[in-house]
Amino acid sequence: MKAGKLDRKITIERYTNGGLDAFGEDTEGSWGTFITVAAWRSDVSDAEKVSAGQINAVRMSRFIIRSSVDSRTIDANDRINYDGKYWDIHGSKETSKGRLQYIELTAMAQAD
């Protein structure tokens, strides 16, 4: 895969637990930037899901990014922030395209 195909910037966000406050109560965690990387995106499908009696349109895509120490730790507990939407990661796997190694992320977001 040529570097020119990695034509989009995505941010991988990771949730961190809030911990305990001064009274020993759980505090709310938050999403924060983990890494920002160049990616190639390919739409897999768009569909409709029924949940709680409502029909929601969803889009599933694959994002391919370069493999690194950080990117190899990405899993379904993380999310992608891309194009003003949050994408829930459903799968992560290493793949080889040519000489370099890549990580393929399968993710789903609400459609427009």
N, C-alpha and C. Protein backbone atom coordinates (compact mmCIF):
# COMPACT_ATOMS: atom_id res chain seq x y z
N MET A 1 0.86 -1.17 0.00
CA MET A 1 0.00 0.00 0.00
C MET A 1 0.90 1.23 0.00
N LYS A 2 0.61 2.18 -0.87
CA LYS A 2 1.41 3.39 -0.94
C LYS A 2 0.94 4.39 0.10
N ALA A 3 1.87 5.19 0.57
CA ALA A 3 1.55 6.18 1.61
C ALA A 3 0.43 7.12 1.16
N GLY A 4 0.31 7.38 -0.13
CA GLY A 4 -0.73 8.26 -0.65
C GLY A 4 -2.14 7.76 -0.40
N LYS A 5 -2.30 6.46 -0.22
CA LYS A 5 -3.63 5.90 0.07
C LYS A 5 -4.08 6.22 1.48
N LEU A 6 -3.13 6.46 2.38
CA LEU A 6 -3.47 6.82 3.76
C LEU A 6 -3.79 8.32 3.77
N ASP A 7 -4.95 8.66 3.20
CA ASP A 7 -5.27 10.05 2.91
C ASP A 7 -6.23 10.71 3.90
N ARG A 8 -6.47 10.08 5.03
CA ARG A 8 -7.39 10.64 6.02
C ARG A 8 -6.70 10.65 7.39
N LYS A 9 -7.06 11.60 8.21
CA LYS A 9 -6.56 11.66 9.58
C LYS A 9 -7.66 11.20 10.51
N ILE A 10 -7.35 10.24 11.36
CA ILE A 10 -8.31 9.78 12.35
C ILE A 10 -7.68 9.88 13.72
N THR A 11 -8.51 10.05 14.72
CA THR A 11 -8.04 10.08 16.10
C THR A 11 -8.61 8.88 16.82
N ILE A 12 -7.74 8.12 17.44
CA ILE A 12 -8.17 7.01 18.28
C ILE A 12 -8.31 7.57 19.69
N GLU A 13 -9.48 7.38 20.27
CA GLU A 13 -9.73 7.86 21.62
C GLU A 13 -9.83 6.68 22.57
N ARG A 14 -9.33 6.88 23.77
CA ARG A 14 -9.34 5.83 24.79
C ARG A 14 -10.04 6.35 26.03
N TYR A 15 -10.88 5.51 26.61
CA TYR A 15 -11.64 5.88 27.82
C TYR A 15 -10.78 5.62 29.04
N THR A 16 -10.74 6.59 29.92
CA THR A 16 -10.02 6.39 31.18
C THR A 16 -11.01 6.53 32.32
N ASN A 17 -10.93 5.62 33.26
CA ASN A 17 -11.81 5.66 34.43
C ASN A 17 -11.45 6.86 35.29
N GLY A 18 -12.46 7.40 35.93
CA GLY A 18 -12.25 8.60 36.74
C GLY A 18 -11.56 8.34 38.06
N GLY A 19 -11.71 7.16 38.61
CA GLY A 19 -11.09 6.87 39.91
C GLY A 19 -12.04 7.22 41.05
N LEU A 20 -11.46 7.52 42.17
CA LEU A 20 -12.24 7.84 43.37
C LEU A 20 -12.02 9.29 43.77
N ASP A 21 -13.09 9.94 44.23
CA ASP A 21 -12.94 11.30 44.73
C ASP A 21 -12.54 11.28 46.21
N ALA A 22 -12.51 12.44 46.85
CA ALA A 22 -12.07 12.56 48.24
C ALA A 22 -12.97 11.80 49.21
N PHE A 23 -14.20 11.49 48.78
CA PHE A 23 -15.15 10.79 49.62
C PHE A 23 -15.20 9.29 49.32
N GLY A 24 -14.31 8.83 48.44
CA GLY A 24 -14.26 7.41 48.09
C GLY A 24 -15.33 7.01 47.09
N GLU A 25 -15.98 7.98 46.45
CA GLU A 25 -17.01 7.71 45.45
C GLU A 25 -16.38 7.64 44.06
N ASP A 26 -16.94 6.77 43.22
CA ASP A 26 -16.47 6.70 41.83
C ASP A 26 -16.76 8.00 41.12
N THR A 27 -15.78 8.48 40.36
CA THR A 27 -15.99 9.66 39.53
C THR A 27 -16.11 9.21 38.08
N GLU A 28 -16.79 10.03 37.31
CA GLU A 28 -17.01 9.69 35.91
C GLU A 28 -15.71 9.79 35.13
N GLY A 29 -15.47 8.83 34.27
CA GLY A 29 -14.29 8.85 33.42
C GLY A 29 -14.53 9.72 32.20
N SER A 30 -13.57 9.73 31.29
CA SER A 30 -13.71 10.56 30.10
C SER A 30 -12.93 9.96 28.94
N TRP A 31 -13.32 10.36 27.74
CA TRP A 31 -12.62 9.97 26.53
C TRP A 31 -11.52 10.98 26.27
N GLY A 32 -10.35 10.50 25.89
CA GLY A 32 -9.24 11.38 25.56
C GLY A 32 -8.49 10.86 24.35
N THR A 33 -7.77 11.75 23.70
CA THR A 33 -6.98 11.37 22.53
C THR A 33 -5.89 10.40 22.92
N PHE A 34 -5.82 9.28 22.23
CA PHE A 34 -4.76 8.30 22.42
C PHE A 34 -3.68 8.52 21.36
N ILE A 35 -4.07 8.40 20.07
CA ILE A 35 -3.15 8.71 18.97
C ILE A 35 -3.94 9.28 17.80
N THR A 36 -3.29 10.08 17.00
CA THR A 36 -3.85 10.57 15.73
C THR A 36 -2.96 10.04 14.63
N VAL A 37 -3.57 9.39 13.64
CA VAL A 37 -2.81 8.70 12.60
C VAL A 37 -3.44 8.92 11.23
N ALA A 38 -2.64 8.68 10.20
CA ALA A 38 -3.14 8.66 8.82
C ALA A 38 -3.81 7.31 8.58
N ALA A 39 -4.88 7.33 7.81
CA ALA A 39 -5.64 6.09 7.57
C ALA A 39 -6.21 6.05 6.17
N TRP A 40 -6.51 4.84 5.73
CA TRP A 40 -7.27 4.60 4.51
C TRP A 40 -8.61 4.04 4.95
N ARG A 41 -9.70 4.55 4.37
CA ARG A 41 -11.04 4.11 4.77
C ARG A 41 -11.75 3.46 3.60
N SER A 42 -12.43 2.36 3.90
CA SER A 42 -13.23 1.65 2.91
C SER A 42 -14.56 1.27 3.55
N ASP A 43 -15.66 1.69 2.94
CA ASP A 43 -16.98 1.34 3.47
C ASP A 43 -17.25 -0.14 3.22
N VAL A 44 -17.73 -0.81 4.26
CA VAL A 44 -18.07 -2.22 4.16
C VAL A 44 -19.56 -2.36 3.85
N SER A 45 -20.38 -1.64 4.62
CA SER A 45 -21.82 -1.72 4.39
C SER A 45 -22.52 -0.59 5.11
N ASP A 46 -23.76 -0.40 4.73
CA ASP A 46 -24.64 0.45 5.52
C ASP A 46 -25.91 -0.37 5.72
N ALA A 47 -26.51 -0.21 6.85
CA ALA A 47 -27.65 -1.05 7.19
C ALA A 47 -28.54 -0.32 8.16
N GLU A 48 -29.62 -0.98 8.51
CA GLU A 48 -30.51 -0.45 9.53
C GLU A 48 -30.58 -1.44 10.67
N LYS A 49 -30.48 -0.93 11.88
CA LYS A 49 -30.60 -1.76 13.07
C LYS A 49 -31.83 -1.31 13.83
N VAL A 50 -32.52 -2.28 14.42
CA VAL A 50 -33.68 -1.96 15.25
C VAL A 50 -33.26 -2.09 16.70
N SER A 51 -33.42 -1.00 17.46
CA SER A 51 -33.12 -1.06 18.89
C SER A 51 -34.11 -0.18 19.62
N ALA A 52 -34.66 -0.71 20.69
CA ALA A 52 -35.64 0.00 21.52
C ALA A 52 -36.79 0.53 20.69
N GLY A 53 -37.20 -0.25 19.70
CA GLY A 53 -38.36 0.13 18.89
C GLY A 53 -38.08 1.20 17.86
N GLN A 54 -36.81 1.61 17.69
CA GLN A 54 -36.47 2.61 16.69
C GLN A 54 -35.55 2.00 15.66
N ILE A 55 -35.66 2.51 14.44
CA ILE A 55 -34.78 2.05 13.38
C ILE A 55 -33.66 3.06 13.24
N ASN A 56 -32.43 2.58 13.34
CA ASN A 56 -31.25 3.43 13.24
C ASN A 56 -30.42 3.01 12.04
N ALA A 57 -30.04 3.96 11.21
CA ALA A 57 -29.17 3.67 10.08
C ALA A 57 -27.72 3.70 10.57
N VAL A 58 -26.95 2.69 10.19
CA VAL A 58 -25.56 2.60 10.61
C VAL A 58 -24.66 2.37 9.38
N ARG A 59 -23.43 2.75 9.53
CA ARG A 59 -22.43 2.54 8.47
C ARG A 59 -21.25 1.79 9.08
N MET A 60 -20.80 0.75 8.38
CA MET A 60 -19.63 0.01 8.82
C MET A 60 -18.50 0.25 7.82
N SER A 61 -17.32 0.55 8.34
CA SER A 61 -16.16 0.82 7.50
C SER A 61 -14.94 0.14 8.07
N ARG A 62 -13.93 0.00 7.20
CA ARG A 62 -12.62 -0.49 7.63
C ARG A 62 -11.64 0.66 7.50
N PHE A 63 -10.85 0.85 8.53
CA PHE A 63 -9.80 1.84 8.53
C PHE A 63 -8.48 1.09 8.62
N ILE A 64 -7.56 1.38 7.71
CA ILE A 64 -6.25 0.75 7.74
C ILE A 64 -5.23 1.81 8.13
N ILE A 65 -4.44 1.50 9.17
CA ILE A 65 -3.42 2.41 9.67
C ILE A 65 -2.09 1.66 9.77
N ARG A 66 -1.00 2.40 9.87
CA ARG A 66 0.31 1.76 10.02
C ARG A 66 0.41 1.11 11.41
N SER A 67 1.08 -0.02 11.44
CA SER A 67 1.32 -0.71 12.69
C SER A 67 2.41 0.01 13.48
N SER A 68 2.18 0.16 14.77
CA SER A 68 3.17 0.76 15.67
C SER A 68 2.95 0.16 17.06
N VAL A 69 3.82 0.50 17.96
CA VAL A 69 3.68 0.01 19.34
C VAL A 69 2.31 0.42 19.88
N ASP A 70 1.91 1.68 19.66
CA ASP A 70 0.61 2.16 20.16
C ASP A 70 -0.56 1.55 19.40
N SER A 71 -0.49 1.51 18.07
CA SER A 71 -1.64 1.03 17.29
C SER A 71 -1.93 -0.44 17.53
N ARG A 72 -0.94 -1.21 17.93
CA ARG A 72 -1.17 -2.63 18.21
C ARG A 72 -1.94 -2.85 19.51
N THR A 73 -2.14 -1.80 20.32
CA THR A 73 -2.93 -1.94 21.55
C THR A 73 -4.39 -1.53 21.38
N ILE A 74 -4.76 -1.06 20.18
CA ILE A 74 -6.14 -0.63 19.93
C ILE A 74 -7.06 -1.84 19.97
N ASP A 75 -8.19 -1.70 20.68
CA ASP A 75 -9.16 -2.79 20.75
C ASP A 75 -10.58 -2.21 20.79
N ALA A 76 -11.54 -3.06 21.03
CA ALA A 76 -12.96 -2.67 20.99
C ALA A 76 -13.36 -1.72 22.12
N ASN A 77 -12.49 -1.51 23.09
CA ASN A 77 -12.79 -0.55 24.15
C ASN A 77 -12.48 0.88 23.73
N ASP A 78 -11.78 1.04 22.61
CA ASP A 78 -11.44 2.36 22.08
C ASP A 78 -12.47 2.77 21.05
N ARG A 79 -12.36 4.00 20.55
CA ARG A 79 -13.25 4.46 19.49
C ARG A 79 -12.46 5.35 18.55
N ILE A 80 -13.02 5.55 17.36
CA ILE A 80 -12.42 6.42 16.34
C ILE A 80 -13.22 7.70 16.26
N ASN A 81 -12.54 8.81 16.23
CA ASN A 81 -13.16 10.11 15.98
C ASN A 81 -12.72 10.52 14.58
N TYR A 82 -13.68 10.52 13.65
CA TYR A 82 -13.37 10.85 12.26
C TYR A 82 -14.55 11.55 11.61
N ASP A 83 -14.27 12.62 10.94
CA ASP A 83 -15.28 13.33 10.14
C ASP A 83 -16.48 13.75 10.98
N GLY A 84 -16.23 14.16 12.22
CA GLY A 84 -17.30 14.64 13.08
C GLY A 84 -18.17 13.55 13.69
N LYS A 85 -17.77 12.29 13.54
CA LYS A 85 -18.54 11.17 14.08
C LYS A 85 -17.65 10.30 14.96
N TYR A 86 -18.28 9.63 15.90
CA TYR A 86 -17.60 8.64 16.71
C TYR A 86 -17.92 7.26 16.14
N TRP A 87 -16.89 6.49 15.91
CA TRP A 87 -17.01 5.15 15.35
C TRP A 87 -16.65 4.14 16.43
N ASP A 88 -17.57 3.22 16.73
CA ASP A 88 -17.30 2.15 17.69
C ASP A 88 -16.48 1.07 17.00
N ILE A 89 -15.36 0.72 17.58
CA ILE A 89 -14.49 -0.29 17.00
C ILE A 89 -15.03 -1.68 17.35
N HIS A 90 -15.22 -2.50 16.30
CA HIS A 90 -15.74 -3.85 16.50
C HIS A 90 -14.66 -4.91 16.31
N GLY A 91 -13.55 -4.55 15.68
CA GLY A 91 -12.49 -5.52 15.47
C GLY A 91 -11.19 -4.83 15.10
N SER A 92 -10.10 -5.49 15.43
CA SER A 92 -8.77 -4.98 15.13
C SER A 92 -7.88 -6.17 14.80
N LYS A 93 -7.17 -6.09 13.67
CA LYS A 93 -6.27 -7.19 13.33
C LYS A 93 -5.08 -6.66 12.54
N GLU A 94 -3.97 -7.38 12.66
CA GLU A 94 -2.78 -7.02 11.90
C GLU A 94 -2.92 -7.59 10.50
N THR A 95 -2.43 -6.84 9.53
CA THR A 95 -2.48 -7.28 8.15
C THR A 95 -1.20 -6.81 7.46
N SER A 96 -0.85 -7.47 6.39
CA SER A 96 0.37 -7.12 5.66
C SER A 96 0.00 -6.73 4.24
N LYS A 97 0.43 -5.56 3.83
CA LYS A 97 0.23 -5.09 2.46
C LYS A 97 1.61 -4.69 1.95
N GLY A 98 2.24 -5.55 1.20
CA GLY A 98 3.60 -5.25 0.75
C GLY A 98 4.59 -5.51 1.87
N ARG A 99 5.59 -4.65 1.99
CA ARG A 99 6.64 -4.85 2.98
C ARG A 99 6.26 -4.38 4.37
N LEU A 100 5.33 -3.42 4.45
CA LEU A 100 4.99 -2.83 5.74
C LEU A 100 3.79 -3.52 6.37
N GLN A 101 3.74 -3.47 7.68
CA GLN A 101 2.63 -4.04 8.42
C GLN A 101 1.60 -2.96 8.73
N TYR A 102 0.35 -3.34 8.73
CA TYR A 102 -0.74 -2.42 9.00
C TYR A 102 -1.70 -3.03 10.02
N ILE A 103 -2.53 -2.17 10.58
CA ILE A 103 -3.60 -2.60 11.47
C ILE A 103 -4.92 -2.26 10.76
N GLU A 104 -5.80 -3.22 10.70
CA GLU A 104 -7.11 -3.01 10.09
C GLU A 104 -8.15 -2.93 11.21
N LEU A 105 -8.86 -1.80 11.27
CA LEU A 105 -9.89 -1.59 12.26
C LEU A 105 -11.25 -1.61 11.59
N THR A 106 -12.15 -2.44 12.08
CA THR A 106 -13.52 -2.46 11.60
C THR A 106 -14.35 -1.69 12.61
N ALA A 107 -15.08 -0.68 12.12
CA ALA A 107 -15.81 0.21 13.03
C ALA A 107 -17.18 0.56 12.47
N MET A 108 -18.09 0.96 13.38
CA MET A 108 -19.46 1.27 13.00
C MET A 108 -19.85 2.63 13.59
N ALA A 109 -20.56 3.42 12.77
CA ALA A 109 -21.05 4.73 13.21
C ALA A 109 -22.49 4.92 12.75
N GLN A 110 -23.17 5.83 13.41
CA GLN A 110 -24.52 6.17 12.98
C GLN A 110 -24.43 6.88 11.63
N ALA A 111 -25.27 6.51 10.69
CA ALA A 111 -25.29 7.14 9.37
C ALA A 111 -26.00 8.48 9.46
N ASP A 112 -25.74 9.31 8.48
CA ASP A 112 -26.39 10.63 8.44
C ASP A 112 -27.88 10.51 8.25
